[in-house]
PDB file of N, CA and C in Angstrom:
ATOM      1  N   MET A   1      34.500  65.678  54.072  1.00  0.00           N
ATOM      2  CA  MET A   1      33.244  65.576  54.789  1.00  0.00           C
ATOM      3  C   MET A   1      33.339  64.544  55.913  1.00  0.00           C
ATOM      4  N   PHE A   2      34.142  63.514  55.691  1.00  0.00           N
ATOM      5  CA  PHE A   2      34.310  62.513  56.750  1.00  0.00           C
ATOM      6  C   PHE A   2      34.887  63.165  58.001  1.00  0.00           C
ATOM      7  N   LEU A   3      35.934  63.960  57.833  1.00  0.00           N
ATOM      8  CA  LEU A   3      36.531  64.620  58.996  1.00  0.00           C
ATOM      9  C   LEU A   3      35.562  65.602  59.637  1.00  0.00           C
ATOM     10  N   LYS A   4      34.769  66.282  58.845  1.00  0.00           N
ATOM     11  CA  LYS A   4      33.783  67.215  59.390  1.00  0.00           C
ATOM     12  C   LYS A   4      32.744  66.462  60.212  1.00  0.00           C
ATOM     13  N   THR A   5      32.283  65.357  59.691  1.00  0.00           N
ATOM     14  CA  THR A   5      31.279  64.553  60.387  1.00  0.00           C
ATOM     15  C   THR A   5      31.821  63.972  61.687  1.00  0.00           C
ATOM     16  N   HIS A   6      33.117  63.700  61.710  1.00  0.00           N
ATOM     17  CA  HIS A   6      33.768  63.112  62.884  1.00  0.00           C
ATOM     18  C   HIS A   6      34.723  64.127  63.513  1.00  0.00           C
ATOM     19  N   ASP A   7      34.291  65.380  63.624  1.00  0.00           N
ATOM     20  CA  ASP A   7      35.211  66.448  64.025  1.00  0.00           C
ATOM     21  C   ASP A   7      35.645  66.399  65.485  1.00  0.00           C
ATOM     22  N   GLY A   8      35.045  65.584  66.303  1.00  0.00           N
ATOM     23  CA  GLY A   8      35.481  65.467  67.688  1.00  0.00           C
ATOM     24  C   GLY A   8      36.683  64.568  67.856  1.00  0.00           C
ATOM     25  N   SER A   9      37.011  63.821  66.810  1.00  0.00           N
ATOM     26  CA  SER A   9      38.084  62.834  66.899  1.00  0.00           C
ATOM     27  C   SER A   9      39.270  63.243  66.048  1.00  0.00           C
ATOM     28  N   GLY A  10      40.446  62.862  66.489  1.00  0.00           N
ATOM     29  CA  GLY A  10      41.629  62.994  65.665  1.00  0.00           C
ATOM     30  C   GLY A  10      41.845  61.687  64.918  1.00  0.00           C
ATOM     31  N   TRP A  11      42.211  61.764  63.670  1.00  0.00           N
ATOM     32  CA  TRP A  11      42.375  60.582  62.828  1.00  0.00           C
ATOM     33  C   TRP A  11      43.780  60.548  62.255  1.00  0.00           C
ATOM     34  N   SER A  12      44.439  59.423  62.371  1.00  0.00           N
ATOM     35  CA  SER A  12      45.747  59.253  61.737  1.00  0.00           C
ATOM     36  C   SER A  12      45.532  58.904  60.262  1.00  0.00           C
ATOM     37  N   VAL A  13      46.587  59.034  59.490  1.00  0.00           N
ATOM     38  CA  VAL A  13      46.510  58.668  58.075  1.00  0.00           C
ATOM     39  C   VAL A  13      46.114  57.204  57.934  1.00  0.00           C
ATOM     40  N   ASP A  14      46.702  56.334  58.747  1.00  0.00           N
ATOM     41  CA  ASP A  14      46.374  54.906  58.663  1.00  0.00           C
ATOM     42  C   ASP A  14      44.902  54.642  58.974  1.00  0.00           C
ATOM     43  N   GLN A  15      44.353  55.337  59.960  1.00  0.00           N
ATOM     44  CA  GLN A  15      42.936  55.171  60.287  1.00  0.00           C
ATOM     45  C   GLN A  15      42.055  55.657  59.142  1.00  0.00           C
ATOM     46  N   LEU A  16      42.434  56.772  58.537  1.00  0.00           N
ATOM     47  CA  LEU A  16      41.661  57.292  57.402  1.00  0.00           C
ATOM     48  C   LEU A  16      41.731  56.343  56.209  1.00  0.00           C
ATOM     49  N   VAL A  17      42.880  55.741  55.990  1.00  0.00           N
ATOM     50  CA  VAL A  17      43.030  54.760  54.908  1.00  0.00           C
ATOM     51  C   VAL A  17      42.045  53.612  55.113  1.00  0.00           C
ATOM     52  N   ARG A  18      41.978  53.103  56.338  1.00  0.00           N
ATOM     53  CA  ARG A  18      41.052  51.988  56.619  1.00  0.00           C
ATOM     54  C   ARG A  18      39.597  52.419  56.473  1.00  0.00           C
ATOM     55  N   GLU A  19      39.252  53.563  57.018  1.00  0.00           N
ATOM     56  CA  GLU A  19      37.857  54.014  56.987  1.00  0.00           C
ATOM     57  C   GLU A  19      37.381  54.371  55.588  1.00  0.00           C
ATOM     58  N   LEU A  20      38.234  55.026  54.826  1.00  0.00           N
ATOM     59  CA  LEU A  20      37.829  55.531  53.514  1.00  0.00           C
ATOM     60  C   LEU A  20      38.277  54.652  52.359  1.00  0.00           C
ATOM     61  N   ARG A  21      39.021  53.591  52.687  1.00  0.00           N
ATOM     62  CA  ARG A  21      39.492  52.635  51.677  1.00  0.00           C
ATOM     63  C   ARG A  21      40.270  53.335  50.556  1.00  0.00           C
ATOM     64  N   ALA A  22      41.227  54.136  50.983  1.00  0.00           N
ATOM     65  CA  ALA A  22      42.076  54.866  50.041  1.00  0.00           C
ATOM     66  C   ALA A  22      43.511  54.402  50.221  1.00  0.00           C
ATOM     67  N   SER A  23      44.356  54.771  49.296  1.00  0.00           N
ATOM     68  CA  SER A  23      45.770  54.421  49.444  1.00  0.00           C
ATOM     69  C   SER A  23      46.412  55.346  50.479  1.00  0.00           C
ATOM     70  N   LYS A  24      47.452  54.852  51.091  1.00  0.00           N
ATOM     71  CA  LYS A  24      48.149  55.643  52.105  1.00  0.00           C
ATOM     72  C   LYS A  24      48.774  56.888  51.485  1.00  0.00           C
ATOM     73  N   LEU A  25      49.356  56.746  50.310  1.00  0.00           N
ATOM     74  CA  LEU A  25      49.974  57.877  49.625  1.00  0.00           C
ATOM     75  C   LEU A  25      48.939  58.957  49.316  1.00  0.00           C
ATOM     76  N   LEU A  26      47.797  58.548  48.782  1.00  0.00           N
ATOM     77  CA  LEU A  26      46.736  59.498  48.469  1.00  0.00           C
ATOM     78  C   LEU A  26      46.236  60.189  49.736  1.00  0.00           C
ATOM     79  N   MET A  27      45.988  59.421  50.787  1.00  0.00           N
ATOM     80  CA  MET A  27      45.442  59.994  52.014  1.00  0.00           C
ATOM     81  C   MET A  27      46.434  60.956  52.664  1.00  0.00           C
ATOM     82  N   ALA A  28      47.715  60.597  52.672  1.00  0.00           N
ATOM     83  CA  ALA A  28      48.733  61.488  53.232  1.00  0.00           C
ATOM     84  C   ALA A  28      48.771  62.801  52.462  1.00  0.00           C
ATOM     85  N   ASP A  29      48.664  62.726  51.148  1.00  0.00           N
ATOM     86  CA  ASP A  29      48.654  63.923  50.304  1.00  0.00           C
ATOM     87  C   ASP A  29      47.403  64.760  50.578  1.00  0.00           C
ATOM     88  N   LEU A  30      46.262  64.098  50.718  1.00  0.00           N
ATOM     89  CA  LEU A  30      45.008  64.821  50.958  1.00  0.00           C
ATOM     90  C   LEU A  30      44.995  65.548  52.296  1.00  0.00           C
ATOM     91  N   VAL A  31      45.408  64.874  53.360  1.00  0.00           N
ATOM     92  CA  VAL A  31      45.373  65.554  54.668  1.00  0.00           C
ATOM     93  C   VAL A  31      46.387  66.694  54.708  1.00  0.00           C
ATOM     94  N   LEU A  32      47.513  66.538  54.031  1.00  0.00           N
ATOM     95  CA  LEU A  32      48.483  67.625  53.959  1.00  0.00           C
ATOM     96  C   LEU A  32      47.892  68.821  53.218  1.00  0.00           C
ATOM     97  N   SER A  33      47.206  68.558  52.120  1.00  0.00           N
ATOM     98  CA  SER A  33      46.548  69.638  51.367  1.00  0.00           C
ATOM     99  C   SER A  33      45.459  70.315  52.198  1.00  0.00           C
ATOM    100  N   LEU A  34      44.670  69.511  52.911  1.00  0.00           N
ATOM    101  CA  LEU A  34      43.623  70.077  53.767  1.00  0.00           C
ATOM    102  C   LEU A  34      44.229  70.908  54.898  1.00  0.00           C
ATOM    103  N   HIS A  35      45.347  70.451  55.427  1.00  0.00           N
ATOM    104  CA  HIS A  35      46.037  71.190  56.489  1.00  0.00           C
ATOM    105  C   HIS A  35      46.563  72.519  55.954  1.00  0.00           C
ATOM    106  N   ARG A  36      47.225  72.476  54.807  1.00  0.00           N
ATOM    107  CA  ARG A  36      47.764  73.700  54.192  1.00  0.00           C
ATOM    108  C   ARG A  36      46.656  74.681  53.809  1.00  0.00           C
ATOM    109  N   SER A  37      45.493  74.154  53.484  1.00  0.00           N
ATOM    110  CA  SER A  37      44.356  74.997  53.095  1.00  0.00           C
ATOM    111  C   SER A  37      43.628  75.588  54.289  1.00  0.00           C
ATOM    112  N   GLY A  38      43.994  75.159  55.486  1.00  0.00           N
ATOM    113  CA  GLY A  38      43.361  75.688  56.680  1.00  0.00           C
ATOM    114  C   GLY A  38      42.062  75.008  57.056  1.00  0.00           C
ATOM    115  N   LEU A  39      41.839  73.804  56.540  1.00  0.00           N
ATOM    116  CA  LEU A  39      40.602  73.085  56.844  1.00  0.00           C
ATOM    117  C   LEU A  39      40.735  72.076  57.969  1.00  0.00           C
ATOM    118  N   VAL A  40      41.938  71.569  58.183  1.00  0.00           N
ATOM    119  CA  VAL A  40      42.158  70.620  59.272  1.00  0.00           C
ATOM    120  C   VAL A  40      43.371  71.061  60.072  1.00  0.00           C
ATOM    121  N   GLU A  41      43.376  70.662  61.331  1.00  0.00           N
ATOM    122  CA  GLU A  41      44.555  70.908  62.146  1.00  0.00           C
ATOM    123  C   GLU A  41      45.260  69.592  62.375  1.00  0.00           C
ATOM    124  N   GLN A  42      46.564  69.687  62.534  1.00  0.00           N
ATOM    125  CA  GLN A  42      47.374  68.504  62.799  1.00  0.00           C
ATOM    126  C   GLN A  42      47.855  68.574  64.238  1.00  0.00           C
ATOM    127  N   ILE A  43      47.622  67.506  64.964  1.00  0.00           N
ATOM    128  CA  ILE A  43      48.112  67.369  66.332  1.00  0.00           C
ATOM    129  C   ILE A  43      48.895  66.071  66.372  1.00  0.00           C
ATOM    130  N   GLY A  44      50.203  66.184  66.425  1.00  0.00           N
ATOM    131  CA  GLY A  44      51.037  64.985  66.335  1.00  0.00           C
ATOM    132  C   GLY A  44      50.851  64.345  64.982  1.00  0.00           C
ATOM    133  N   ASP A  45      50.439  63.088  64.977  1.00  0.00           N
ATOM    134  CA  ASP A  45      50.199  62.398  63.705  1.00  0.00           C
ATOM    135  C   ASP A  45      48.718  62.204  63.433  1.00  0.00           C
ATOM    136  N   THR A  46      47.889  63.024  64.080  1.00  0.00           N
ATOM    137  CA  THR A  46      46.445  62.949  63.830  1.00  0.00           C
ATOM    138  C   THR A  46      45.942  64.270  63.248  1.00  0.00           C
ATOM    139  N   TYR A  47      44.824  64.152  62.545  1.00  0.00           N
ATOM    140  CA  TYR A  47      44.202  65.299  61.888  1.00  0.00           C
ATOM    141  C   TYR A  47      42.745  65.368  62.317  1.00  0.00           C
ATOM    142  N   ARG A  48      42.254  66.599  62.447  1.00  0.00           N
ATOM    143  CA  ARG A  48      40.841  66.782  62.741  1.00  0.00           C
ATOM    144  C   ARG A  48      40.336  68.010  61.992  1.00  0.00           C
ATOM    145  N   TYR A  49      39.061  67.972  61.669  1.00  0.00           N
ATOM    146  CA  TYR A  49      38.429  69.081  60.976  1.00  0.00           C
ATOM    147  C   TYR A  49      38.421  70.294  61.894  1.00  0.00           C
ATOM    148  N   ARG A  50      39.022  71.366  61.445  1.00  0.00           N
ATOM    149  CA  ARG A  50      39.050  72.587  62.217  1.00  0.00           C
ATOM    150  C   ARG A  50      39.356  73.736  61.258  1.00  0.00           C
ATOM    151  N   PRO A  51      38.335  74.305  60.594  1.00  0.00           N
ATOM    152  CA  PRO A  51      38.587  75.398  59.652  1.00  0.00           C
ATOM    153  C   PRO A  51      39.226  76.588  60.374  1.00  0.00           C
ATOM    154  N   SER A  52      40.172  77.210  59.708  1.00  0.00           N
ATOM    155  CA  SER A  52      40.906  78.315  60.326  1.00  0.00           C
ATOM    156  C   SER A  52      40.133  79.632  60.307  1.00  0.00           C
ATOM    157  N   THR A  53      39.086  79.715  59.490  1.00  0.00           N
ATOM    158  CA  THR A  53      38.271  80.940  59.446  1.00  0.00           C
ATOM    159  C   THR A  53      36.789  80.579  59.369  1.00  0.00           C
ATOM    160  N   GLU A  54      35.968  81.526  59.741  1.00  0.00           N
ATOM    161  CA  GLU A  54      34.513  81.339  59.621  1.00  0.00           C
ATOM    162  C   GLU A  54      34.103  81.200  58.157  1.00  0.00           C
ATOM    163  N   GLU A  55      34.793  81.901  57.278  1.00  0.00           N
ATOM    164  CA  GLU A  55      34.485  81.819  55.845  1.00  0.00           C
ATOM    165  C   GLU A  55      34.722  80.411  55.313  1.00  0.00           C
ATOM    166  N   LEU A  56      35.835  79.798  55.707  1.00  0.00           N
ATOM    167  CA  LEU A  56      36.090  78.414  55.287  1.00  0.00           C
ATOM    168  C   LEU A  56      35.023  77.473  55.833  1.00  0.00           C
ATOM    169  N   ALA A  57      34.646  77.662  57.081  1.00  0.00           N
ATOM    170  CA  ALA A  57      33.607  76.821  57.681  1.00  0.00           C
ATOM    171  C   ALA A  57      32.294  76.983  56.923  1.00  0.00           C
ATOM    172  N   ARG A  58      31.974  78.211  56.546  1.00  0.00           N
ATOM    173  CA  ARG A  58      30.741  78.472  55.798  1.00  0.00           C
ATOM    174  C   ARG A  58      30.791  77.811  54.420  1.00  0.00           C
ATOM    175  N   LEU A  59      31.930  77.879  53.760  1.00  0.00           N
ATOM    176  CA  LEU A  59      32.064  77.259  52.438  1.00  0.00           C
ATOM    177  C   LEU A  59      31.938  75.737  52.513  1.00  0.00           C
ATOM    178  N   VAL A  60      32.530  75.143  53.534  1.00  0.00           N
ATOM    179  CA  VAL A  60      32.408  73.693  53.703  1.00  0.00           C
ATOM    180  C   VAL A  60      30.953  73.313  53.976  1.00  0.00           C
ATOM    181  N   ASP A  61      30.268  74.100  54.782  1.00  0.00           N
ATOM    182  CA  ASP A  61      28.842  73.847  55.029  1.00  0.00           C
ATOM    183  C   ASP A  61      28.044  73.918  53.728  1.00  0.00           C
ATOM    184  N   GLU A  62      28.399  74.871  52.880  1.00  0.00           N
ATOM    185  CA  GLU A  62      27.706  75.017  51.599  1.00  0.00           C
ATOM    186  C   GLU A  62      27.977  73.821  50.683  1.00  0.00           C
ATOM    187  N   VAL A  63      29.205  73.361  50.632  1.00  0.00           N
ATOM    188  CA  VAL A  63      29.536  72.177  49.827  1.00  0.00           C
ATOM    189  C   VAL A  63      28.783  70.956  50.360  1.00  0.00           C
ATOM    190  N   GLU A  64      28.716  70.843  51.665  1.00  0.00           N
ATOM    191  CA  GLU A  64      27.981  69.726  52.266  1.00  0.00           C
ATOM    192  C   GLU A  64      26.495  69.789  51.892  1.00  0.00           C
ATOM    193  N   ARG A  65      25.928  70.978  51.931  1.00  0.00           N
ATOM    194  CA  ARG A  65      24.519  71.154  51.559  1.00  0.00           C
ATOM    195  C   ARG A  65      24.307  70.789  50.089  1.00  0.00           C
ATOM    196  N   LEU A  66      25.168  71.282  49.224  1.00  0.00           N
ATOM    197  CA  LEU A  66      25.041  70.968  47.798  1.00  0.00           C
ATOM    198  C   LEU A  66      25.219  69.472  47.543  1.00  0.00           C
ATOM    199  N   GLY A  67      26.109  68.849  48.304  1.00  0.00           N
ATOM    200  CA  GLY A  67      26.323  67.413  48.149  1.00  0.00           C
ATOM    201  C   GLY A  67      25.098  66.598  48.498  1.00  0.00           C
ATOM    202  N   SER A  68      24.320  67.068  49.462  1.00  0.00           N
ATOM    203  CA  SER A  68      23.112  66.323  49.822  1.00  0.00           C
ATOM    204  C   SER A  68      21.943  66.666  48.907  1.00  0.00           C
ATOM    205  N   GLU A  69      21.904  67.910  48.412  1.00  0.00           N
ATOM    206  CA  GLU A  69      20.795  68.315  47.539  1.00  0.00           C
ATOM    207  C   GLU A  69      21.017  67.942  46.077  1.00  0.00           C
ATOM    208  N   ARG A  70      22.253  68.052  45.610  1.00  0.00           N
ATOM    209  CA  ARG A  70      22.562  67.807  44.198  1.00  0.00           C
ATOM    210  C   ARG A  70      23.875  67.037  44.074  1.00  0.00           C
ATOM    211  N   PRO A  71      23.901  65.789  44.541  1.00  0.00           N
ATOM    212  CA  PRO A  71      25.165  65.040  44.572  1.00  0.00           C
ATOM    213  C   PRO A  71      25.818  64.849  43.205  1.00  0.00           C
ATOM    214  N   LEU A  72      25.043  64.626  42.164  1.00  0.00           N
ATOM    215  CA  LEU A  72      25.645  64.432  40.838  1.00  0.00           C
ATOM    216  C   LEU A  72      26.265  65.717  40.308  1.00  0.00           C
ATOM    217  N   ALA A  73      25.617  66.834  40.551  1.00  0.00           N
ATOM    218  CA  ALA A  73      26.177  68.115  40.109  1.00  0.00           C
ATOM    219  C   ALA A  73      27.489  68.402  40.833  1.00  0.00           C
ATOM    220  N   LEU A  74      27.540  68.112  42.123  1.00  0.00           N
ATOM    221  CA  LEU A  74      28.775  68.319  42.875  1.00  0.00           C
ATOM    222  C   LEU A  74      29.868  67.378  42.379  1.00  0.00           C
ATOM    223  N   ARG A  75      29.530  66.127  42.178  1.00  0.00           N
ATOM    224  CA  ARG A  75      30.504  65.144  41.676  1.00  0.00           C
ATOM    225  C   ARG A  75      31.051  65.565  40.332  1.00  0.00           C
ATOM    226  N   ASN A  76      30.172  66.011  39.429  1.00  0.00           N
ATOM    227  CA  ASN A  76      30.607  66.443  38.102  1.00  0.00           C
ATOM    228  C   ASN A  76      31.506  67.676  38.182  1.00  0.00           C
ATOM    229  N   ALA A  77      31.201  68.598  39.084  1.00  0.00           N
ATOM    230  CA  ALA A  77      32.036  69.787  39.255  1.00  0.00           C
ATOM    231  C   ALA A  77      33.425  69.400  39.757  1.00  0.00           C
ATOM    232  N   ILE A  78      33.484  68.463  40.674  1.00  0.00           N
ATOM    233  CA  ILE A  78      34.777  68.004  41.193  1.00  0.00           C
ATOM    234  C   ILE A  78      35.581  67.328  40.089  1.00  0.00           C
ATOM    235  N   LEU A  79      34.932  66.470  39.326  1.00  0.00           N
ATOM    236  CA  LEU A  79      35.628  65.758  38.260  1.00  0.00           C
ATOM    237  C   LEU A  79      36.069  66.681  37.130  1.00  0.00           C
ATOM    238  N   ALA A  80      35.338  67.767  36.906  1.00  0.00           N
ATOM    239  CA  ALA A  80      35.671  68.704  35.836  1.00  0.00           C
ATOM    240  C   ALA A  80      36.796  69.659  36.232  1.00  0.00           C
ATOM    241  N   ALA A  81      37.061  69.784  37.518  1.00  0.00           N
ATOM    242  CA  ALA A  81      38.113  70.696  37.980  1.00  0.00           C
ATOM    243  C   ALA A  81      39.470  70.165  37.537  1.00  0.00           C
ATOM    244  N   PRO A  82      40.350  71.072  37.117  1.00  0.00           N
ATOM    245  CA  PRO A  82      41.683  70.612  36.705  1.00  0.00           C
ATOM    246  C   PRO A  82      42.456  70.052  37.888  1.00  0.00           C
ATOM    247  N   HIS A  83      43.228  69.029  37.627  1.00  0.00           N
ATOM    248  CA  HIS A  83      44.070  68.422  38.652  1.00  0.00           C
ATOM    249  C   HIS A  83      45.498  68.881  38.370  1.00  0.00           C
ATOM    250  N   ASP A  84      46.007  69.743  39.204  1.00  0.00           N
ATOM    251  CA  ASP A  84      47.297  70.385  38.963  1.00  0.00           C
ATOM    252  C   ASP A  84      48.425  69.406  38.668  1.00  0.00           C
ATOM    253  N   LYS A  85      48.540  68.331  39.436  1.00  0.00           N
ATOM    254  CA  LYS A  85      49.657  67.406  39.239  1.00  0.00           C
ATOM    255  C   LYS A  85      49.583  66.737  37.880  1.00  0.00           C
ATOM    256  N   VAL A  86      48.395  66.359  37.465  1.00  0.00           N
ATOM    257  CA  VAL A  86      48.228  65.739  36.158  1.00  0.00           C
ATOM    258  C   VAL A  86      48.544  66.746  35.066  1.00  0.00           C
ATOM    259  N   GLN A  87      48.088  67.989  35.243  1.00  0.00           N
ATOM    260  CA  GLN A  87      48.338  69.021  34.230  1.00  0.00           C
ATOM    261  C   GLN A  87      49.825  69.335  34.116  1.00  0.00           C
ATOM    262  N   VAL A  88      50.512  69.429  35.233  1.00  0.00           N
ATOM    263  CA  VAL A  88      51.955  69.677  35.206  1.00  0.00           C
ATOM    264  C   VAL A  88      52.672  68.542  34.473  1.00  0.00           C
ATOM    265  N   PHE A  89      52.279  67.317  34.758  1.00  0.00           N
ATOM    266  CA  PHE A  89      52.868  66.153  34.100  1.00  0.00           C
ATOM    267  C   PHE A  89      52.622  66.216  32.588  1.00  0.00           C
ATOM    268  N   ALA A  90      51.395  66.513  32.205  1.00  0.00           N
ATOM    269  CA  ALA A  90      51.060  66.604  30.777  1.00  0.00           C
ATOM    270  C   ALA A  90      51.805  67.754  30.115  1.00  0.00           C
ATOM    271  N   ASP A  91      51.895  68.888  30.795  1.00  0.00           N
ATOM    272  CA  ASP A  91      52.595  70.043  30.237  1.00  0.00           C
ATOM    273  C   ASP A  91      54.073  69.756  30.023  1.00  0.00           C
ATOM    274  N   ALA A  92      54.657  68.935  30.893  1.00  0.00           N
ATOM    275  CA  ALA A  92      56.073  68.592  30.735  1.00  0.00           C
ATOM    276  C   ALA A  92      56.315  67.899  29.400  1.00  0.00           C
ATOM    277  N   PHE A  93      55.406  67.043  28.984  1.00  0.00           N
ATOM    278  CA  PHE A  93      55.550  66.371  27.706  1.00  0.00           C
ATOM    279  C   PHE A  93      55.299  67.333  26.548  1.00  0.00           C
ATOM    280  N   ARG A  94      54.384  68.247  26.722  1.00  0.00           N
ATOM    281  CA  ARG A  94      54.078  69.205  25.669  1.00  0.00           C
ATOM    282  C   ARG A  94      55.300  70.099  25.419  1.00  0.00           C
ATOM    283  N   ILE A  95      55.957  70.557  26.452  1.00  0.00           N
ATOM    284  CA  ILE A  95      57.126  71.413  26.315  1.00  0.00           C
ATOM    285  C   ILE A  95      58.246  70.671  25.585  1.00  0.00           C
ATOM    286  N   LYS A  96      58.496  69.421  25.962  1.00  0.00           N
ATOM    287  CA  LYS A  96      59.523  68.630  25.305  1.00  0.00           C
ATOM    288  C   LYS A  96      59.211  68.440  23.823  1.00  0.00           C
ATOM    289  N   LYS A  97      57.952  68.173  23.533  1.00  0.00           N
ATOM    290  CA  LYS A  97      57.535  67.957  22.155  1.00  0.00           C
ATOM    291  C   LYS A  97      57.737  69.237  21.336  1.00  0.00           C
ATOM    292  N   ASP A  98      57.322  70.391  21.913  1.00  0.00           N
ATOM    293  CA  ASP A  98      57.446  71.658  21.205  1.00  0.00           C
ATOM    294  C   ASP A  98      58.916  72.035  20.964  1.00  0.00           C
ATOM    295  N   ARG A  99      59.805  71.712  21.883  1.00  0.00           N
ATOM    296  CA  ARG A  99      61.226  72.036  21.723  1.00  0.00           C
ATOM    297  C   ARG A  99      61.873  71.207  20.616  1.00  0.00           C
ATOM    298  N   GLY A 100      61.343  70.012  20.396  1.00  0.00           N
ATOM    299  CA  GLY A 100      61.946  69.132  19.411  1.00  0.00           C
ATOM    300  C   GLY A 100      61.624  69.493  17.983  1.00  0.00           C
ATOM    301  N   ARG A 101      60.746  70.430  17.777  1.00  0.00           N
ATOM    302  CA  ARG A 101      60.332  70.798  16.408  1.00  0.00           C
ATOM    303  C   ARG A 101      61.255  71.792  15.789  1.00  0.00           C
TER     304      ARG A 101
END
């Protein structure tokens, strides 16, 4: 939403880290994911909100609307969503444990 709100500007990872008070590693991962998802464009080392389709733009508008109307429901939905990297890490231990039996 920050990039959408500031869509006229290009933001580097370092600038986003300062503005959003996030770690550099996390922010680099997030902008890469947003770029791969077609939500932001990369120009050099800067990123700006630029959905690749009208459908993506509409979905982001809907998330923004829900965030302002029902922020706790949106937050809970985000927190309840599975985090692939954590799940892969957890599954790696489960597989090792199952093989040892």
